[in-house]
Amino acid sequence: MIFKINDLKSKEVINISDGARLGFVHDAEFDSENGNITSIIIPGSYKFMGIFGKENDLSIPWENIEKIGEDLIIVKL
């Protein structure tokens, strides 16, 4: 399958283990040697009204992606 990063950004990420909604893809990490995606990045949520910063971004290895659908990406964490 061939994906554009913009196609991935429009999909919500769900953890199949507990049904948690993790957010939307913000970015991806690539292997510079072969151009393959190695992980997707979900931005961390903001703490109390953004005053206290935000949590760390969540990096999900490509191997943990179970299924990519039209609207969702199902992962196993």
Protein backbone atom coordinates (compact mmCIF):
# COMPACT_ATOMS: atom_id res chain seq x y z
CA MET A 1 0.00 0.00 0.00
CA ILE A 2 1.10 3.52 -0.73
CA PHE A 3 0.13 6.35 1.62
CA LYS A 4 0.68 10.06 1.60
CA ILE A 5 1.47 11.57 5.02
CA ASN A 6 -1.53 13.87 4.57
CA ASP A 7 -3.76 10.81 4.17
CA LEU A 8 -2.48 9.45 7.49
CA LYS A 9 -2.98 12.82 9.23
CA SER A 10 -6.73 12.71 8.59
CA LYS A 11 -7.11 9.41 10.46
CA GLU A 12 -7.81 8.95 14.17
CA VAL A 13 -5.65 6.41 16.02
CA ILE A 14 -7.37 3.89 18.33
CA ASN A 15 -5.65 1.42 20.68
CA ILE A 16 -7.24 -2.00 20.12
CA SER A 17 -6.13 -3.21 23.58
CA ASP A 18 -8.39 -0.84 25.56
CA GLY A 19 -10.35 1.13 22.94
CA ALA A 20 -8.61 4.39 23.90
CA ARG A 21 -8.71 7.22 21.37
CA LEU A 22 -5.10 8.35 21.09
CA GLY A 23 -5.59 11.27 18.71
CA PHE A 24 -4.69 12.02 15.11
CA VAL A 25 -1.39 11.40 13.34
CA HIS A 26 0.76 14.52 13.50
CA ASP A 27 3.95 13.30 11.86
CA ALA A 28 5.89 10.20 10.86
CA GLU A 29 9.46 8.98 11.21
CA PHE A 30 11.21 7.50 8.19
CA ASP A 31 14.19 5.23 7.61
CA SER A 32 16.53 7.43 5.56
CA GLU A 33 18.14 4.44 3.82
CA ASN A 34 15.02 2.88 2.30
CA GLY A 35 12.34 5.56 2.78
CA ASN A 36 10.01 3.33 4.80
CA ILE A 37 7.90 4.73 7.63
CA THR A 38 9.24 3.43 10.96
CA SER A 39 6.67 5.06 13.27
CA ILE A 40 3.78 7.49 13.44
CA ILE A 41 3.70 10.39 15.90
CA ILE A 42 0.63 11.41 17.93
CA PRO A 43 0.96 14.82 19.63
CA GLY A 44 0.77 14.89 23.42
CA SER A 45 -2.25 16.55 24.98
CA TYR A 46 -2.01 19.93 26.64
CA LYS A 47 -2.12 20.12 30.41
CA PHE A 48 -4.43 22.51 32.28
CA MET A 49 -5.39 25.14 29.66
CA GLY A 50 -1.91 24.93 28.14
CA ILE A 51 -0.44 26.82 31.09
CA PHE A 52 1.59 23.87 32.35
CA GLY A 53 2.89 22.75 28.96
CA LYS A 54 1.97 19.52 27.29
CA GLU A 55 2.65 15.82 27.61
CA ASN A 56 5.27 14.08 25.47
CA ASP A 57 4.36 13.06 21.94
CA LEU A 58 3.52 9.38 21.46
CA SER A 59 5.65 7.50 18.93
CA ILE A 60 3.97 4.31 17.69
CA PRO A 61 6.21 1.82 15.84
CA TRP A 62 4.93 0.81 12.42
CA GLU A 63 4.92 -2.83 13.56
CA ASN A 64 2.21 -1.97 16.13
CA ILE A 65 -0.24 -0.85 13.46
CA GLU A 66 -2.88 -3.56 13.08
CA LYS A 67 -5.12 -2.00 10.41
CA ILE A 68 -5.41 1.23 8.44
CA GLY A 69 -8.98 1.97 7.41
CA GLU A 70 -10.69 4.87 5.66
CA ASP A 71 -11.15 6.87 8.88
CA LEU A 72 -9.16 5.04 11.57
CA ILE A 73 -5.80 3.52 12.30
CA ILE A 74 -6.00 0.61 14.75
CA VAL A 75 -2.86 0.04 16.82
CA LYS A 76 -1.90 -2.43 19.54
CA LEU A 77 0.01 -0.89 22.45
